[in-house]
C-alpha cells in the first residue's frame, strides 16, 4: 500500500470562525510524571437495523517524560461494557455475558508514548477495535502558539482507519484541524477544536472522519472528543451496509 499524506483542504470545510480576541493560544499536553488521568470511551457502530456499542474506562499513569517531551503512559482497564440493539430493541444481557467476560479479560494493560503536541509515538495494541479508545487521545496540536481560526495538519485519527483500505491500493490521507471556539469561564480557558480528514483511493473505497474536541488550555488536558467515521465502499450492498462508527472520549 502506498500512502500519500496531504494536509491540503477539500470541499465542504466550515466557515472561518469569529472570536472576541485574536490572541495566540498555546495548546498541548502538560504531562507530569506520577499523574493519573481516567477517560471513558464509547464506540458505537450503526449499520442498518443493528447498533453495537462498546464502553471502556481506562486509567492512565504517566510513567515518565523524556527529554524530547514524549510521555510514557501506562493504561489499565477500570470499566467495561457492551451492548447490541436490533430494531432499537436491546439483546438480553445473558446472550452476551460469556463473550463480554472473555473480551474484558483480553484487555490487558497498554502502553502509550504520546508527545506534548499530541503526536502518537507508540501504542502497544494495534487491533483497531481495541486501539480506538487510545487513538482518540492523539489529537495533534501545533507546537507553537496559534491564532483562532488558523488551520494546521491533523491526520492522527484518520491514519488509524487507513488499514480498512485494501493494502494493494494507493491511498491519499488528508486531514486538518482548527480552533473554532474559545471561552474563559471561572478562570478556566477552554478551547474548542474541530478536525476533518479522509482516506481516499483512486478506484477503491474511502473513509471520512470528522471530530470535535474540547481542551483545557490551563491544565493542558483533553476534556472531551467526539468523532465520526464513515466508510464508503465502491459498490453499495444493502445486505452488508458499512454504516457509521461514532466515538466519544470523556475525561472523568
C-alpha atoms as a PDB file:
ATOM      1  CA  UNK A   1       0.000   0.000   0.000  1.00  0.00           C
ATOM      2  CA  UNK A   2       1.359   3.388  -0.977  1.00  0.00           C
ATOM      3  CA  UNK A   3       0.341   6.242   1.317  1.00  0.00           C
ATOM      4  CA  UNK A   4       0.382   9.918   0.353  1.00  0.00           C
ATOM      5  CA  UNK A   5      -0.065  12.419   3.160  1.00  0.00           C
ATOM      6  CA  UNK A   6      -1.645  15.715   2.148  1.00  0.00           C
ATOM      7  CA  UNK A   7      -2.579  18.471   4.609  1.00  0.00           C
ATOM      8  CA  UNK A   8      -4.483  20.462   1.972  1.00  0.00           C
ATOM      9  CA  UNK A   9      -8.170  21.345   2.115  1.00  0.00           C
ATOM     10  CA  UNK A  10     -11.176  19.825   0.378  1.00  0.00           C
ATOM     11  CA  UNK A  11     -14.751  20.931  -0.403  1.00  0.00           C
ATOM     12  CA  UNK A  12     -17.171  21.356   2.449  1.00  0.00           C
ATOM     13  CA  UNK A  13     -14.880  22.957   5.008  1.00  0.00           C
ATOM     14  CA  UNK A  14     -16.753  25.048   7.576  1.00  0.00           C
ATOM     15  CA  UNK A  15     -16.729  28.839   7.525  1.00  0.00           C
ATOM     16  CA  UNK A  16     -13.978  30.760   9.247  1.00  0.00           C
ATOM     17  CA  UNK A  17     -14.935  31.195  12.917  1.00  0.00           C
ATOM     18  CA  UNK A  18     -15.010  34.545  14.702  1.00  0.00           C
ATOM     19  CA  UNK A  19     -13.672  35.294  18.191  1.00  0.00           C
ATOM     20  CA  UNK A  20     -13.746  38.185  20.650  1.00  0.00           C
ATOM     21  CA  UNK A  21      -9.943  38.153  20.648  1.00  0.00           C
ATOM     22  CA  UNK A  22      -7.195  37.122  18.259  1.00  0.00           C
ATOM     23  CA  UNK A  23      -4.536  36.491  20.907  1.00  0.00           C
ATOM     24  CA  UNK A  24      -2.332  33.449  20.251  1.00  0.00           C
ATOM     25  CA  UNK A  25      -3.370  30.241  22.004  1.00  0.00           C
ATOM     26  CA  UNK A  26      -0.913  27.751  23.477  1.00  0.00           C
ATOM     27  CA  UNK A  27      -2.126  24.162  23.122  1.00  0.00           C
ATOM     28  CA  UNK A  28      -0.598  20.871  24.141  1.00  0.00           C
ATOM     29  CA  UNK A  29      -0.458  18.261  26.881  1.00  0.00           C
ATOM     30  CA  UNK A  30       1.242  19.056  30.180  1.00  0.00           C
ATOM     31  CA  UNK A  31       2.368  15.665  31.357  1.00  0.00           C
ATOM     32  CA  UNK A  32       3.615  15.321  34.922  1.00  0.00           C
ATOM     33  CA  UNK A  33       5.262  12.008  35.911  1.00  0.00           C
ATOM     34  CA  UNK A  34       3.129  10.292  38.521  1.00  0.00           C
ATOM     35  CA  UNK A  35      -0.099  11.995  37.425  1.00  0.00           C
ATOM     36  CA  UNK A  36      -3.174   9.821  36.862  1.00  0.00           C
ATOM     37  CA  UNK A  37      -5.939  10.540  34.330  1.00  0.00           C
ATOM     38  CA  UNK A  38      -9.087   8.498  33.700  1.00  0.00           C
ATOM     39  CA  UNK A  39     -11.031   8.581  30.434  1.00  0.00           C
ATOM     40  CA  UNK A  40     -14.270   6.915  29.401  1.00  0.00           C
ATOM     41  CA  UNK A  41     -14.781   5.951  25.758  1.00  0.00           C
ATOM     42  CA  UNK A  42     -17.947   4.877  23.967  1.00  0.00           C
ATOM     43  CA  UNK A  43     -17.693   3.471  20.441  1.00  0.00           C
ATOM     44  CA  UNK A  44     -20.926   2.760  18.575  1.00  0.00           C
ATOM     45  CA  UNK A  45     -21.417   1.201  15.165  1.00  0.00           C
ATOM     46  CA  UNK A  46     -24.657   1.961  13.359  1.00  0.00           C
ATOM     47  CA  UNK A  47     -25.348  -0.422  10.497  1.00  0.00           C
ATOM     48  CA  UNK A  48     -28.845  -0.850   9.114  1.00  0.00           C
ATOM     49  CA  UNK A  49     -31.102  -2.340  11.793  1.00  0.00           C
ATOM     50  CA  UNK A  50     -28.225  -3.116  14.152  1.00  0.00           C
ATOM     51  CA  UNK A  51     -26.417  -0.872  16.618  1.00  0.00           C
ATOM     52  CA  UNK A  52     -23.402  -2.177  18.535  1.00  0.00           C
ATOM     53  CA  UNK A  53     -21.939  -0.188  21.430  1.00  0.00           C
ATOM     54  CA  UNK A  54     -18.804  -0.680  23.466  1.00  0.00           C
ATOM     55  CA  UNK A  55     -17.868   1.355  26.562  1.00  0.00           C
ATOM     56  CA  UNK A  56     -14.464   1.306  28.227  1.00  0.00           C
ATOM     57  CA  UNK A  57     -12.926   3.194  31.113  1.00  0.00           C
ATOM     58  CA  UNK A  58      -9.142   3.469  31.193  1.00  0.00           C
ATOM     59  CA  UNK A  59      -6.924   4.884  33.924  1.00  0.00           C
ATOM     60  CA  UNK A  60      -3.547   6.139  32.693  1.00  0.00           C
ATOM     61  CA  UNK A  61      -0.467   6.639  34.838  1.00  0.00           C
ATOM     62  CA  UNK A  62       2.190   8.982  33.442  1.00  0.00           C
ATOM     63  CA  UNK A  63       5.251   6.804  33.961  1.00  0.00           C
ATOM     64  CA  UNK A  64       7.911   9.145  32.617  1.00  0.00           C
ATOM     65  CA  UNK A  65       8.611  12.151  30.450  1.00  0.00           C
ATOM     66  CA  UNK A  66      11.772  12.081  28.342  1.00  0.00           C
ATOM     67  CA  UNK A  67      13.984  14.975  27.228  1.00  0.00           C
ATOM     68  CA  UNK A  68      12.097  15.211  23.911  1.00  0.00           C
ATOM     69  CA  UNK A  69       8.781  15.859  25.655  1.00  0.00           C
ATOM     70  CA  UNK A  70       7.408  12.371  24.968  1.00  0.00           C
ATOM     71  CA  UNK A  71       5.464  10.826  27.834  1.00  0.00           C
ATOM     72  CA  UNK A  72       5.060   7.129  28.510  1.00  0.00           C
ATOM     73  CA  UNK A  73       1.554   6.343  29.770  1.00  0.00           C
ATOM     74  CA  UNK A  74       0.533   3.015  31.265  1.00  0.00           C
ATOM     75  CA  UNK A  75      -3.170   2.313  30.911  1.00  0.00           C
ATOM     76  CA  UNK A  76      -5.271  -0.132  32.906  1.00  0.00           C
ATOM     77  CA  UNK A  77      -8.887  -1.021  32.205  1.00  0.00           C
ATOM     78  CA  UNK A  78     -11.137   0.092  35.082  1.00  0.00           C
ATOM     79  CA  UNK A  79     -14.555  -0.390  33.475  1.00  0.00           C
ATOM     80  CA  UNK A  80     -16.073  -2.247  30.523  1.00  0.00           C
ATOM     81  CA  UNK A  81     -19.464  -2.855  28.967  1.00  0.00           C
ATOM     82  CA  UNK A  82     -21.065  -3.561  25.606  1.00  0.00           C
ATOM     83  CA  UNK A  83     -24.494  -3.992  24.081  1.00  0.00           C
ATOM     84  CA  UNK A  84     -26.339  -4.740  20.860  1.00  0.00           C
ATOM     85  CA  UNK A  85     -29.672  -3.381  19.672  1.00  0.00           C
ATOM     86  CA  UNK A  86     -31.704  -4.778  16.781  1.00  0.00           C
ATOM     87  CA  UNK A  87     -34.563  -2.581  15.582  1.00  0.00           C
ATOM     88  CA  UNK A  88     -33.982  -0.450  18.717  1.00  0.00           C
ATOM     89  CA  UNK A  89     -34.528  -3.471  20.971  1.00  0.00           C
ATOM     90  CA  UNK A  90     -31.605  -4.433  23.229  1.00  0.00           C
ATOM     91  CA  UNK A  91     -30.464  -8.039  23.278  1.00  0.00           C
ATOM     92  CA  UNK A  92     -30.720  -9.717  26.721  1.00  0.00           C
ATOM     93  CA  UNK A  93     -27.583  -9.397  28.860  1.00  0.00           C
ATOM     94  CA  UNK A  94     -27.337 -13.165  29.167  1.00  0.00           C
ATOM     95  CA  UNK A  95     -26.962 -13.565  25.411  1.00  0.00           C
ATOM     96  CA  UNK A  96     -23.599 -11.790  25.515  1.00  0.00           C
ATOM     97  CA  UNK A  97     -22.293 -12.467  29.032  1.00  0.00           C
ATOM     98  CA  UNK A  98     -19.639 -15.046  28.083  1.00  0.00           C
ATOM     99  CA  UNK A  99     -18.365 -13.021  25.123  1.00  0.00           C
ATOM    100  CA  UNK A 100     -18.179  -9.850  27.235  1.00  0.00           C
ATOM    101  CA  UNK A 101     -16.263 -11.556  30.004  1.00  0.00           C
ATOM    102  CA  UNK A 102     -13.780 -13.044  27.536  1.00  0.00           C
ATOM    103  CA  UNK A 103     -13.221  -9.659  25.886  1.00  0.00           C
ATOM    104  CA  UNK A 104     -12.754  -7.904  29.217  1.00  0.00           C
ATOM    105  CA  UNK A 105     -10.126 -10.433  30.255  1.00  0.00           C
ATOM    106  CA  UNK A 106      -8.333  -9.931  26.920  1.00  0.00           C
ATOM    107  CA  UNK A 107      -7.971  -6.180  27.515  1.00  0.00           C
ATOM    108  CA  UNK A 108      -4.699  -6.141  29.408  1.00  0.00           C
ATOM    109  CA  UNK A 109      -2.516  -3.124  30.262  1.00  0.00           C
ATOM    110  CA  UNK A 110      -1.472  -0.876  27.399  1.00  0.00           C
ATOM    111  CA  UNK A 111       1.496   1.417  26.963  1.00  0.00           C
ATOM    112  CA  UNK A 112       1.250   4.668  25.029  1.00  0.00           C
ATOM    113  CA  UNK A 113       4.002   7.085  24.037  1.00  0.00           C
ATOM    114  CA  UNK A 114       2.425  10.489  23.463  1.00  0.00           C
ATOM    115  CA  UNK A 115       4.124  13.784  22.704  1.00  0.00           C
ATOM    116  CA  UNK A 116       3.245  17.118  24.264  1.00  0.00           C
ATOM    117  CA  UNK A 117       1.885  18.102  20.836  1.00  0.00           C
ATOM    118  CA  UNK A 118      -0.456  15.093  20.768  1.00  0.00           C
ATOM    119  CA  UNK A 119       1.649  13.102  18.306  1.00  0.00           C
ATOM    120  CA  UNK A 120       1.307   9.350  18.897  1.00  0.00           C
ATOM    121  CA  UNK A 121       4.794   7.822  19.015  1.00  0.00           C
ATOM    122  CA  UNK A 122       3.819   4.335  20.077  1.00  0.00           C
ATOM    123  CA  UNK A 123       0.884   2.156  21.111  1.00  0.00           C
ATOM    124  CA  UNK A 124       1.254  -1.401  22.376  1.00  0.00           C
ATOM    125  CA  UNK A 125      -2.066  -2.611  20.935  1.00  0.00           C
ATOM    126  CA  UNK A 126      -2.659  -2.452  17.175  1.00  0.00           C
ATOM    127  CA  UNK A 127      -6.053  -4.110  16.620  1.00  0.00           C
ATOM    128  CA  UNK A 128      -8.356  -1.238  15.622  1.00  0.00           C
ATOM    129  CA  UNK A 129     -11.374  -2.057  17.802  1.00  0.00           C
ATOM    130  CA  UNK A 130      -9.083  -2.262  20.841  1.00  0.00           C
ATOM    131  CA  UNK A 131      -6.816   0.656  19.967  1.00  0.00           C
ATOM    132  CA  UNK A 132      -9.543   3.247  19.209  1.00  0.00           C
ATOM    133  CA  UNK A 133     -10.070   4.422  22.825  1.00  0.00           C
ATOM    134  CA  UNK A 134      -6.351   5.227  22.985  1.00  0.00           C
ATOM    135  CA  UNK A 135      -6.104   6.614  19.451  1.00  0.00           C
ATOM    136  CA  UNK A 136      -8.675   9.259  20.421  1.00  0.00           C
ATOM    137  CA  UNK A 137      -6.119  10.773  22.821  1.00  0.00           C
ATOM    138  CA  UNK A 138      -3.860  11.620  19.892  1.00  0.00           C
ATOM    139  CA  UNK A 139      -5.289  14.960  18.776  1.00  0.00           C
ATOM    140  CA  UNK A 140      -2.309  16.634  17.127  1.00  0.00           C
ATOM    141  CA  UNK A 141      -1.890  20.330  18.010  1.00  0.00           C
ATOM    142  CA  UNK A 142       0.724  22.901  16.920  1.00  0.00           C
ATOM    143  CA  UNK A 143       3.905  23.081  18.992  1.00  0.00           C
ATOM    144  CA  UNK A 144       3.865  26.885  18.738  1.00  0.00           C
ATOM    145  CA  UNK A 145       1.121  29.380  19.731  1.00  0.00           C
ATOM    146  CA  UNK A 146      -1.697  29.525  17.199  1.00  0.00           C
ATOM    147  CA  UNK A 147      -4.315  32.155  16.451  1.00  0.00           C
ATOM    148  CA  UNK A 148      -8.038  31.362  16.444  1.00  0.00           C
ATOM    149  CA  UNK A 149      -9.241  30.125  13.057  1.00  0.00           C
ATOM    150  CA  UNK A 150      -5.772  29.144  11.851  1.00  0.00           C
ATOM    151  CA  UNK A 151      -5.551  25.717  10.193  1.00  0.00           C
ATOM    152  CA  UNK A 152      -2.928  23.039  10.781  1.00  0.00           C
ATOM    153  CA  UNK A 153      -2.405  19.465   9.503  1.00  0.00           C
ATOM    154  CA  UNK A 154      -4.002  16.799  11.740  1.00  0.00           C
ATOM    155  CA  UNK A 155      -4.153  13.228  10.474  1.00  0.00           C
ATOM    156  CA  UNK A 156      -3.582  11.046  13.549  1.00  0.00           C
ATOM    157  CA  UNK A 157      -7.077   9.557  13.861  1.00  0.00           C
ATOM    158  CA  UNK A 158      -7.526   9.359  10.080  1.00  0.00           C
ATOM    159  CA  UNK A 159      -4.381   7.230   9.749  1.00  0.00           C
ATOM    160  CA  UNK A 160      -5.848   4.700  12.176  1.00  0.00           C
ATOM    161  CA  UNK A 161      -8.600   3.946   9.638  1.00  0.00           C
ATOM    162  CA  UNK A 162      -6.257   3.557   6.667  1.00  0.00           C
ATOM    163  CA  UNK A 163      -5.913  -0.147   7.482  1.00  0.00           C
ATOM    164  CA  UNK A 164      -9.529  -0.638   6.393  1.00  0.00           C
ATOM    165  CA  UNK A 165      -8.487   0.063   2.804  1.00  0.00           C
ATOM    166  CA  UNK A 166      -7.044  -2.888   0.809  1.00  0.00           C
ATOM    167  CA  UNK A 167      -3.240  -2.884   1.065  1.00  0.00           C
ATOM    168  CA  UNK A 168      -2.753  -3.177  -2.713  1.00  0.00           C
ATOM    169  CA  UNK A 169      -4.327   0.233  -3.372  1.00  0.00           C
ATOM    170  CA  UNK A 170      -2.569   3.575  -3.442  1.00  0.00           C
ATOM    171  CA  UNK A 171      -4.213   5.848  -0.899  1.00  0.00           C
ATOM    172  CA  UNK A 172      -4.148   9.525  -0.024  1.00  0.00           C
ATOM    173  CA  UNK A 173      -4.551  10.604   3.602  1.00  0.00           C
ATOM    174  CA  UNK A 174      -5.774  14.148   4.233  1.00  0.00           C
ATOM    175  CA  UNK A 175      -6.550  15.951   7.446  1.00  0.00           C
ATOM    176  CA  UNK A 176      -6.667  19.367   9.056  1.00  0.00           C
ATOM    177  CA  UNK A 177      -7.876  20.988  12.270  1.00  0.00           C
ATOM    178  CA  UNK A 178      -8.622  24.450  13.599  1.00  0.00           C
ATOM    179  CA  UNK A 179      -9.702  26.286  16.744  1.00  0.00           C
ATOM    180  CA  UNK A 180     -13.410  27.088  16.410  1.00  0.00           C
ATOM    181  CA  UNK A 181     -14.254  28.387  19.884  1.00  0.00           C
ATOM    182  CA  UNK A 182     -12.628  29.979  22.908  1.00  0.00           C
ATOM    183  CA  UNK A 183     -14.129  30.697  26.325  1.00  0.00           C
ATOM    184  CA  UNK A 184     -12.988  31.741  29.783  1.00  0.00           C
ATOM    185  CA  UNK A 185     -15.365  30.505  32.461  1.00  0.00           C
ATOM    186  CA  UNK A 186     -14.471  30.761  36.112  1.00  0.00           C
ATOM    187  CA  UNK A 187     -10.842  31.367  35.258  1.00  0.00           C
ATOM    188  CA  UNK A 188     -10.608  28.212  33.101  1.00  0.00           C
ATOM    189  CA  UNK A 189      -9.671  28.694  29.457  1.00  0.00           C
ATOM    190  CA  UNK A 190     -11.494  26.186  27.271  1.00  0.00           C
ATOM    191  CA  UNK A 191     -10.594  25.747  23.615  1.00  0.00           C
ATOM    192  CA  UNK A 192     -12.962  24.137  21.121  1.00  0.00           C
ATOM    193  CA  UNK A 193     -11.382  22.490  18.077  1.00  0.00           C
ATOM    194  CA  UNK A 194     -12.666  20.619  15.053  1.00  0.00           C
ATOM    195  CA  UNK A 195     -10.932  18.356  12.575  1.00  0.00           C
ATOM    196  CA  UNK A 196     -11.823  16.507   9.415  1.00  0.00           C
ATOM    197  CA  UNK A 197      -9.940  14.115   7.214  1.00  0.00           C
ATOM    198  CA  UNK A 198     -10.229  11.306   4.727  1.00  0.00           C
ATOM    199  CA  UNK A 199      -8.547   8.218   3.350  1.00  0.00           C
ATOM    200  CA  UNK A 200      -9.170   8.131  -0.389  1.00  0.00           C
ATOM    201  CA  UNK A 201      -8.278   5.784  -3.227  1.00  0.00           C
ATOM    202  CA  UNK A 202      -8.488   6.254  -6.989  1.00  0.00           C
ATOM    203  CA  UNK A 203     -10.745   3.297  -7.763  1.00  0.00           C
ATOM    204  CA  UNK A 204     -11.476   1.811  -4.353  1.00  0.00           C
ATOM    205  CA  UNK A 205     -13.295   2.553  -1.109  1.00  0.00           C
ATOM    206  CA  UNK A 206     -12.760   5.606   1.082  1.00  0.00           C
ATOM    207  CA  UNK A 207     -13.151   6.624   4.722  1.00  0.00           C
ATOM    208  CA  UNK A 208     -14.075  10.088   6.000  1.00  0.00           C
ATOM    209  CA  UNK A 209     -13.506  11.156   9.614  1.00  0.00           C
ATOM    210  CA  UNK A 210     -14.760  14.241  11.463  1.00  0.00           C
ATOM    211  CA  UNK A 211     -14.235  15.157  15.101  1.00  0.00           C
ATOM    212  CA  UNK A 212     -14.722  17.904  17.660  1.00  0.00           C
ATOM    213  CA  UNK A 213     -12.548  18.404  20.693  1.00  0.00           C
ATOM    214  CA  UNK A 214     -12.709  20.400  23.925  1.00  0.00           C
ATOM    215  CA  UNK A 215      -9.363  21.266  25.503  1.00  0.00           C
ATOM    216  CA  UNK A 216      -8.486  22.654  28.944  1.00  0.00           C
ATOM    217  CA  UNK A 217      -5.703  25.057  27.993  1.00  0.00           C
ATOM    218  CA  UNK A 218      -4.789  25.848  31.602  1.00  0.00           C
ATOM    219  CA  UNK A 219      -4.229  22.248  32.685  1.00  0.00           C
ATOM    220  CA  UNK A 220      -3.052  21.022  29.298  1.00  0.00           C
ATOM    221  CA  UNK A 221      -5.647  18.254  29.128  1.00  0.00           C
ATOM    222  CA  UNK A 222      -8.062  16.863  26.579  1.00  0.00           C
ATOM    223  CA  UNK A 223     -11.502  17.102  28.213  1.00  0.00           C
ATOM    224  CA  UNK A 224     -13.805  15.691  25.550  1.00  0.00           C
ATOM    225  CA  UNK A 225     -13.623  14.426  21.981  1.00  0.00           C
ATOM    226  CA  UNK A 226     -16.381  13.203  19.690  1.00  0.00           C
ATOM    227  CA  UNK A 227     -15.672  11.662  16.288  1.00  0.00           C
ATOM    228  CA  UNK A 228     -17.499  10.000  13.427  1.00  0.00           C
ATOM    229  CA  UNK A 229     -16.100   7.751  10.717  1.00  0.00           C
ATOM    230  CA  UNK A 230     -17.958   6.807   7.530  1.00  0.00           C
ATOM    231  CA  UNK A 231     -16.830   4.048   5.181  1.00  0.00           C
ATOM    232  CA  UNK A 232     -17.795   4.450   1.533  1.00  0.00           C
ATOM    233  CA  UNK A 233     -17.472   1.176  -0.438  1.00  0.00           C
ATOM    234  CA  UNK A 234     -17.037   1.018  -4.201  1.00  0.00           C
ATOM    235  CA  UNK A 235     -20.472  -0.543  -4.567  1.00  0.00           C
ATOM    236  CA  UNK A 236     -23.282  -0.345  -2.037  1.00  0.00           C
ATOM    237  CA  UNK A 237     -24.528  -3.635  -0.633  1.00  0.00           C
ATOM    238  CA  UNK A 238     -27.991  -3.396   1.007  1.00  0.00           C
ATOM    239  CA  UNK A 239     -27.263  -6.585   2.970  1.00  0.00           C
ATOM    240  CA  UNK A 240     -23.844  -5.574   4.314  1.00  0.00           C
ATOM    241  CA  UNK A 241     -24.225  -1.850   4.927  1.00  0.00           C
ATOM    242  CA  UNK A 242     -20.889  -0.481   6.256  1.00  0.00           C
ATOM    243  CA  UNK A 243     -22.699   2.117   8.339  1.00  0.00           C
ATOM    244  CA  UNK A 244     -21.232   4.761  10.629  1.00  0.00           C
ATOM    245  CA  UNK A 245     -18.811   4.477  13.528  1.00  0.00           C
ATOM    246  CA  UNK A 246     -19.272   7.110  16.232  1.00  0.00           C
ATOM    247  CA  UNK A 247     -16.709   7.595  19.010  1.00  0.00           C
ATOM    248  CA  UNK A 248     -16.707   9.633  22.200  1.00  0.00           C
ATOM    249  CA  UNK A 249     -13.946  10.154  24.768  1.00  0.00           C
ATOM    250  CA  UNK A 250     -14.506  11.987  28.070  1.00  0.00           C
ATOM    251  CA  UNK A 251     -12.154  12.901  30.907  1.00  0.00           C
ATOM    252  CA  UNK A 252     -13.720  11.812  34.211  1.00  0.00           C
END
